[in-house]
All heavy atoms as atom14 arrays in JSON, in Angstrom:
{
  "sequence": "ETDVDKTLSFFDPVPLDEDVGIMAGIRLTL",
  "atom14_mask": [
    [1, 1, 1, 1, 1, 1, 1, 1, 1, 0, 0, 0, 0, 0],
    [1, 1, 1, 1, 1, 1, 1, 0, 0, 0, 0, 0, 0, 0],
    [1, 1, 1, 1, 1, 1, 1, 1, 0, 0, 0, 0, 0, 0],
    [1, 1, 1, 1, 1, 1, 1, 0, 0, 0, 0, 0, 0, 0],
    [1, 1, 1, 1, 1, 1, 1, 1, 0, 0, 0, 0, 0, 0],
    [1, 1, 1, 1, 1, 1, 1, 1, 1, 0, 0, 0, 0, 0],
    [1, 1, 1, 1, 1, 1, 1, 0, 0, 0, 0, 0, 0, 0],
    [1, 1, 1, 1, 1, 1, 1, 1, 0, 0, 0, 0, 0, 0],
    [1, 1, 1, 1, 1, 1, 0, 0, 0, 0, 0, 0, 0, 0],
    [1, 1, 1, 1, 1, 1, 1, 1, 1, 1, 1, 0, 0, 0],
    [1, 1, 1, 1, 1, 1, 1, 1, 1, 1, 1, 0, 0, 0],
    [1, 1, 1, 1, 1, 1, 1, 1, 0, 0, 0, 0, 0, 0],
    [1, 1, 1, 1, 1, 1, 1, 0, 0, 0, 0, 0, 0, 0],
    [1, 1, 1, 1, 1, 1, 1, 0, 0, 0, 0, 0, 0, 0],
    [1, 1, 1, 1, 1, 1, 1, 0, 0, 0, 0, 0, 0, 0],
    [1, 1, 1, 1, 1, 1, 1, 1, 0, 0, 0, 0, 0, 0],
    [1, 1, 1, 1, 1, 1, 1, 1, 0, 0, 0, 0, 0, 0],
    [1, 1, 1, 1, 1, 1, 1, 1, 1, 0, 0, 0, 0, 0],
    [1, 1, 1, 1, 1, 1, 1, 1, 0, 0, 0, 0, 0, 0],
    [1, 1, 1, 1, 1, 1, 1, 0, 0, 0, 0, 0, 0, 0],
    [1, 1, 1, 1, 0, 0, 0, 0, 0, 0, 0, 0, 0, 0],
    [1, 1, 1, 1, 1, 1, 1, 1, 0, 0, 0, 0, 0, 0],
    [1, 1, 1, 1, 1, 1, 1, 1, 0, 0, 0, 0, 0, 0],
    [1, 1, 1, 1, 1, 0, 0, 0, 0, 0, 0, 0, 0, 0],
    [1, 1, 1, 1, 0, 0, 0, 0, 0, 0, 0, 0, 0, 0],
    [1, 1, 1, 1, 1, 1, 1, 1, 0, 0, 0, 0, 0, 0],
    [1, 1, 1, 1, 1, 1, 1, 1, 1, 1, 1, 0, 0, 0],
    [1, 1, 1, 1, 1, 1, 1, 1, 0, 0, 0, 0, 0, 0],
    [1, 1, 1, 1, 1, 1, 1, 0, 0, 0, 0, 0, 0, 0],
    [1, 1, 1, 1, 1, 1, 1, 1, 0, 0, 0, 0, 0, 0]
  ],
  "atom14_positions": [
    [[-49.81, 38.42, -11.43], [-49.02, 38.32, -10.19], [-48.47, 36.91, -9.98], [-47.41, 36.73, -9.38], [-49.85, 38.76, -8.99], [-50.13, 40.25, -8.98], [-50.79, 40.69, -7.67], [-50.85, 39.88, -6.74], [-51.26, 41.85, -7.61], [0.0, 0.0, 0.0], [0.0, 0.0, 0.0], [0.0, 0.0, 0.0], [0.0, 0.0, 0.0], [0.0, 0.0, 0.0]],
    [[-49.19, 35.91, -10.47], [-48.69, 34.53, -10.33], [-47.38, 34.37, -11.07], [-46.43, 33.75, -10.56], [-49.74, 33.53, -10.88], [-50.96, 33.68, -10.15], [-49.23, 32.1, -10.75], [0.0, 0.0, 0.0], [0.0, 0.0, 0.0], [0.0, 0.0, 0.0], [0.0, 0.0, 0.0], [0.0, 0.0, 0.0], [0.0, 0.0, 0.0], [0.0, 0.0, 0.0]],
    [[-47.31, 34.95, -12.26], [-46.06, 34.88, -13.03], [-44.93, 35.63, -12.32], [-43.77, 35.2, -12.34], [-46.27, 35.46, -14.44], [-47.28, 34.66, -15.24], [-47.01, 33.48, -15.5], [-48.33, 35.22, -15.6], [0.0, 0.0, 0.0], [0.0, 0.0, 0.0], [0.0, 0.0, 0.0], [0.0, 0.0, 0.0], [0.0, 0.0, 0.0], [0.0, 0.0, 0.0]],
    [[-45.28, 36.78, -11.73], [-44.26, 37.55, -11.0], [-43.71, 36.75, -9.83], [-42.5, 36.68, -9.59], [-44.86, 38.89, -10.51], [-43.84, 39.61, -9.63], [-45.26, 39.76, -11.69], [0.0, 0.0, 0.0], [0.0, 0.0, 0.0], [0.0, 0.0, 0.0], [0.0, 0.0, 0.0], [0.0, 0.0, 0.0], [0.0, 0.0, 0.0], [0.0, 0.0, 0.0]],
    [[-44.61, 36.1, -9.07], [-44.18, 35.28, -7.93], [-43.26, 34.16, -8.39], [-42.25, 33.84, -7.73], [-45.39, 34.72, -7.18], [-46.18, 35.8, -6.45], [-45.61, 36.86, -6.17], [-47.37, 35.56, -6.19], [0.0, 0.0, 0.0], [0.0, 0.0, 0.0], [0.0, 0.0, 0.0], [0.0, 0.0, 0.0], [0.0, 0.0, 0.0], [0.0, 0.0, 0.0]],
    [[-43.59, 33.52, -9.51], [-42.74, 32.45, -10.03], [-41.37, 32.99, -10.43], [-40.32, 32.36, -10.17], [-43.4, 31.78, -11.24], [-44.63, 30.95, -10.9], [-45.23, 30.35, -12.17], [-46.46, 29.52, -11.85], [-47.09, 28.97, -13.1], [0.0, 0.0, 0.0], [0.0, 0.0, 0.0], [0.0, 0.0, 0.0], [0.0, 0.0, 0.0], [0.0, 0.0, 0.0]],
    [[-41.38, 34.18, -11.04], [-40.11, 34.79, -11.46], [-39.23, 35.11, -10.27], [-38.03, 34.83, -10.26], [-40.39, 36.06, -12.28], [-41.2, 35.72, -13.41], [-39.09, 36.69, -12.76], [0.0, 0.0, 0.0], [0.0, 0.0, 0.0], [0.0, 0.0, 0.0], [0.0, 0.0, 0.0], [0.0, 0.0, 0.0], [0.0, 0.0, 0.0], [0.0, 0.0, 0.0]],
    [[-39.83, 35.69, -9.23], [-39.07, 36.07, -8.06], [-38.41, 34.86, -7.38], [-37.38, 35.0, -6.73], [-39.96, 36.81, -7.06], [-40.38, 38.24, -7.47], [-41.36, 38.81, -6.47], [-39.15, 39.12, -7.58], [0.0, 0.0, 0.0], [0.0, 0.0, 0.0], [0.0, 0.0, 0.0], [0.0, 0.0, 0.0], [0.0, 0.0, 0.0], [0.0, 0.0, 0.0]],
    [[-39.02, 33.7, -7.54], [-38.43, 32.51, -6.93], [-37.08, 32.16, -7.53], [-36.3, 31.41, -6.93], [-39.4, 31.32, -7.06], [-39.48, 30.87, -8.42], [0.0, 0.0, 0.0], [0.0, 0.0, 0.0], [0.0, 0.0, 0.0], [0.0, 0.0, 0.0], [0.0, 0.0, 0.0], [0.0, 0.0, 0.0], [0.0, 0.0, 0.0], [0.0, 0.0, 0.0]],
    [[-36.78, 32.7, -8.71], [-35.5, 32.43, -9.37], [-34.44, 33.46, -9.01], [-33.29, 33.35, -9.42], [-35.67, 32.39, -10.88], [-36.47, 31.21, -11.38], [-37.8, 31.35, -11.7], [-35.87, 29.96, -11.49], [-38.55, 30.25, -12.13], [-36.6, 28.86, -11.94], [-37.95, 29.0, -12.25], [0.0, 0.0, 0.0], [0.0, 0.0, 0.0], [0.0, 0.0, 0.0]],
    [[-34.83, 34.52, -8.28], [-33.88, 35.57, -7.93], [-32.99, 35.11, -6.78], [-33.44, 34.47, -5.83], [-34.6, 36.85, -7.52], [-35.03, 37.71, -8.66], [-35.86, 37.22, -9.67], [-34.6, 39.02, -8.76], [-36.24, 38.01, -10.72], [-34.98, 39.82, -9.83], [-35.81, 39.32, -10.82], [0.0, 0.0, 0.0], [0.0, 0.0, 0.0], [0.0, 0.0, 0.0]],
    [[-31.71, 35.44, -6.87], [-30.76, 35.07, -5.82], [-29.95, 36.34, -5.47], [-29.13, 36.79, -6.28], [-29.81, 33.98, -6.33], [-28.96, 33.4, -5.22], [-29.19, 33.73, -4.05], [-28.06, 32.58, -5.53], [0.0, 0.0, 0.0], [0.0, 0.0, 0.0], [0.0, 0.0, 0.0], [0.0, 0.0, 0.0], [0.0, 0.0, 0.0], [0.0, 0.0, 0.0]],
    [[-30.19, 36.95, -4.32], [-29.45, 38.17, -3.97], [-27.96, 37.94, -3.94], [-27.47, 36.91, -3.47], [-29.99, 38.52, -2.58], [-31.31, 37.83, -2.5], [-31.17, 36.58, -3.3], [0.0, 0.0, 0.0], [0.0, 0.0, 0.0], [0.0, 0.0, 0.0], [0.0, 0.0, 0.0], [0.0, 0.0, 0.0], [0.0, 0.0, 0.0], [0.0, 0.0, 0.0]],
    [[-27.22, 38.92, -4.49], [-25.75, 38.82, -4.56], [-25.16, 40.08, -3.92], [-25.53, 41.18, -4.29], [-25.28, 38.7, -6.02], [-23.78, 38.74, -6.12], [-25.82, 37.42, -6.64], [0.0, 0.0, 0.0], [0.0, 0.0, 0.0], [0.0, 0.0, 0.0], [0.0, 0.0, 0.0], [0.0, 0.0, 0.0], [0.0, 0.0, 0.0], [0.0, 0.0, 0.0]],
    [[-24.25, 39.94, -2.97], [-23.62, 41.13, -2.36], [-22.75, 41.87, -3.38], [-22.22, 41.28, -4.34], [-22.76, 40.55, -1.23], [-23.21, 39.13, -1.07], [-23.76, 38.71, -2.39], [0.0, 0.0, 0.0], [0.0, 0.0, 0.0], [0.0, 0.0, 0.0], [0.0, 0.0, 0.0], [0.0, 0.0, 0.0], [0.0, 0.0, 0.0], [0.0, 0.0, 0.0]],
    [[-22.59, 43.17, -3.15], [-21.67, 43.94, -3.98], [-20.23, 43.55, -3.68], [-19.9, 43.13, -2.56], [-21.84, 45.43, -3.72], [-23.18, 46.05, -4.15], [-23.24, 47.51, -3.69], [-23.38, 45.96, -5.65], [0.0, 0.0, 0.0], [0.0, 0.0, 0.0], [0.0, 0.0, 0.0], [0.0, 0.0, 0.0], [0.0, 0.0, 0.0], [0.0, 0.0, 0.0]],
    [[-19.37, 43.64, -4.71], [-17.93, 43.47, -4.57], [-17.54, 42.09, -4.07], [-16.5, 41.91, -3.43], [-17.35, 44.54, -3.62], [-17.64, 45.96, -4.11], [-17.46, 46.21, -5.3], [-18.06, 46.79, -3.27], [0.0, 0.0, 0.0], [0.0, 0.0, 0.0], [0.0, 0.0, 0.0], [0.0, 0.0, 0.0], [0.0, 0.0, 0.0], [0.0, 0.0, 0.0]],
    [[-18.36, 41.1, -4.39], [-18.04, 39.74, -4.0], [-18.05, 38.84, -5.25], [-19.0, 38.86, -6.01], [-19.06, 39.22, -2.98], [-18.75, 37.82, -2.45], [-19.69, 37.42, -1.33], [-19.81, 38.2, -0.35], [-20.32, 36.36, -1.42], [0.0, 0.0, 0.0], [0.0, 0.0, 0.0], [0.0, 0.0, 0.0], [0.0, 0.0, 0.0], [0.0, 0.0, 0.0]],
    [[-16.97, 38.11, -5.45], [-16.85, 37.21, -6.6], [-17.73, 35.99, -6.39], [-17.58, 35.25, -5.43], [-15.38, 36.79, -6.76], [-15.15, 35.96, -8.0], [-15.64, 36.36, -9.08], [-14.47, 34.91, -7.9], [0.0, 0.0, 0.0], [0.0, 0.0, 0.0], [0.0, 0.0, 0.0], [0.0, 0.0, 0.0], [0.0, 0.0, 0.0], [0.0, 0.0, 0.0]],
    [[-18.68, 35.79, -7.33], [-19.68, 34.74, -7.17], [-19.7, 33.86, -8.42], [-19.73, 34.38, -9.55], [-21.08, 35.34, -6.94], [-22.15, 34.25, -6.88], [-21.11, 36.19, -5.68], [0.0, 0.0, 0.0], [0.0, 0.0, 0.0], [0.0, 0.0, 0.0], [0.0, 0.0, 0.0], [0.0, 0.0, 0.0], [0.0, 0.0, 0.0], [0.0, 0.0, 0.0]],
    [[-19.7, 32.56, -8.24], [-19.86, 31.66, -9.38], [-21.35, 31.55, -9.73], [-22.16, 31.22, -8.87], [0.0, 0.0, 0.0], [0.0, 0.0, 0.0], [0.0, 0.0, 0.0], [0.0, 0.0, 0.0], [0.0, 0.0, 0.0], [0.0, 0.0, 0.0], [0.0, 0.0, 0.0], [0.0, 0.0, 0.0], [0.0, 0.0, 0.0], [0.0, 0.0, 0.0]],
    [[-21.7, 31.81, -10.99], [-23.12, 31.75, -11.38], [-23.43, 30.54, -12.25], [-24.6, 30.17, -12.37], [-23.56, 33.04, -12.08], [-22.74, 33.33, -13.34], [-23.5, 34.22, -11.12], [-23.27, 34.5, -14.15], [0.0, 0.0, 0.0], [0.0, 0.0, 0.0], [0.0, 0.0, 0.0], [0.0, 0.0, 0.0], [0.0, 0.0, 0.0], [0.0, 0.0, 0.0]],
    [[-22.42, 29.96, -12.87], [-22.56, 28.7, -13.57], [-21.15, 28.19, -13.84], [-20.18, 28.89, -13.55], [-23.38, 28.85, -14.86], [-22.81, 29.81, -15.87], [-23.88, 30.02, -17.32], [-23.89, 28.35, -17.99], [0.0, 0.0, 0.0], [0.0, 0.0, 0.0], [0.0, 0.0, 0.0], [0.0, 0.0, 0.0], [0.0, 0.0, 0.0], [0.0, 0.0, 0.0]],
    [[-21.03, 27.01, -14.35], [-19.72, 26.38, -14.53], [-18.77, 27.29, -15.31], [-19.05, 27.65, -16.45], [-19.87, 25.04, -15.24], [0.0, 0.0, 0.0], [0.0, 0.0, 0.0], [0.0, 0.0, 0.0], [0.0, 0.0, 0.0], [0.0, 0.0, 0.0], [0.0, 0.0, 0.0], [0.0, 0.0, 0.0], [0.0, 0.0, 0.0], [0.0, 0.0, 0.0]],
    [[-17.68, 27.7, -14.66], [-16.66, 28.47, -15.35], [-16.93, 29.94, -15.49], [-16.11, 30.65, -16.08], [0.0, 0.0, 0.0], [0.0, 0.0, 0.0], [0.0, 0.0, 0.0], [0.0, 0.0, 0.0], [0.0, 0.0, 0.0], [0.0, 0.0, 0.0], [0.0, 0.0, 0.0], [0.0, 0.0, 0.0], [0.0, 0.0, 0.0], [0.0, 0.0, 0.0]],
    [[-18.04, 30.46, -14.99], [-18.37, 31.89, -15.14], [-18.52, 32.51, -13.77], [-19.29, 32.06, -12.94], [-19.63, 32.08, -15.99], [-19.42, 31.52, -17.39], [-20.01, 33.56, -16.05], [-20.6, 31.71, -18.33], [0.0, 0.0, 0.0], [0.0, 0.0, 0.0], [0.0, 0.0, 0.0], [0.0, 0.0, 0.0], [0.0, 0.0, 0.0], [0.0, 0.0, 0.0]],
    [[-17.74, 33.61, -13.58], [-17.75, 34.32, -12.3], [-18.37, 35.72, -12.5], [-18.18, 36.35, -13.54], [-16.33, 34.46, -11.75], [-15.51, 33.19, -11.75], [-15.98, 32.2, -10.73], [-15.91, 32.72, -9.36], [-16.32, 32.02, -8.31], [-16.83, 30.79, -8.46], [-16.21, 32.55, -7.08], [0.0, 0.0, 0.0], [0.0, 0.0, 0.0], [0.0, 0.0, 0.0]],
    [[-19.07, 36.17, -11.48], [-19.74, 37.49, -11.52], [-19.31, 38.32, -10.33], [-19.24, 37.83, -9.2], [-21.27, 37.29, -11.49], [-22.12, 38.54, -11.2], [-22.12, 39.48, -12.39], [-23.54, 38.14, -10.81], [0.0, 0.0, 0.0], [0.0, 0.0, 0.0], [0.0, 0.0, 0.0], [0.0, 0.0, 0.0], [0.0, 0.0, 0.0], [0.0, 0.0, 0.0]],
    [[-19.04, 39.59, -10.59], [-18.84, 40.57, -9.51], [-19.69, 41.8, -9.81], [-19.65, 42.34, -10.92], [-17.36, 40.99, -9.41], [-16.53, 39.84, -9.25], [-17.17, 41.91, -8.19], [0.0, 0.0, 0.0], [0.0, 0.0, 0.0], [0.0, 0.0, 0.0], [0.0, 0.0, 0.0], [0.0, 0.0, 0.0], [0.0, 0.0, 0.0], [0.0, 0.0, 0.0]],
    [[-20.49, 42.2, -8.82], [-21.32, 43.39, -8.96], [-20.69, 44.56, -8.21], [-20.18, 44.38, -7.1], [-22.73, 43.12, -8.39], [-23.53, 42.03, -9.11], [-24.89, 41.85, -8.41], [-23.74, 42.36, -10.58], [0.0, 0.0, 0.0], [0.0, 0.0, 0.0], [0.0, 0.0, 0.0], [0.0, 0.0, 0.0], [0.0, 0.0, 0.0], [0.0, 0.0, 0.0]]
  ]
}
């Protein structure tokens, strides 16, 4: 569970149908 908690700290919720920059030069839409 400690590893799971650490992993969840890296999660960033993203809304649907919204253009989001995830790193330099790369855009994501869900």
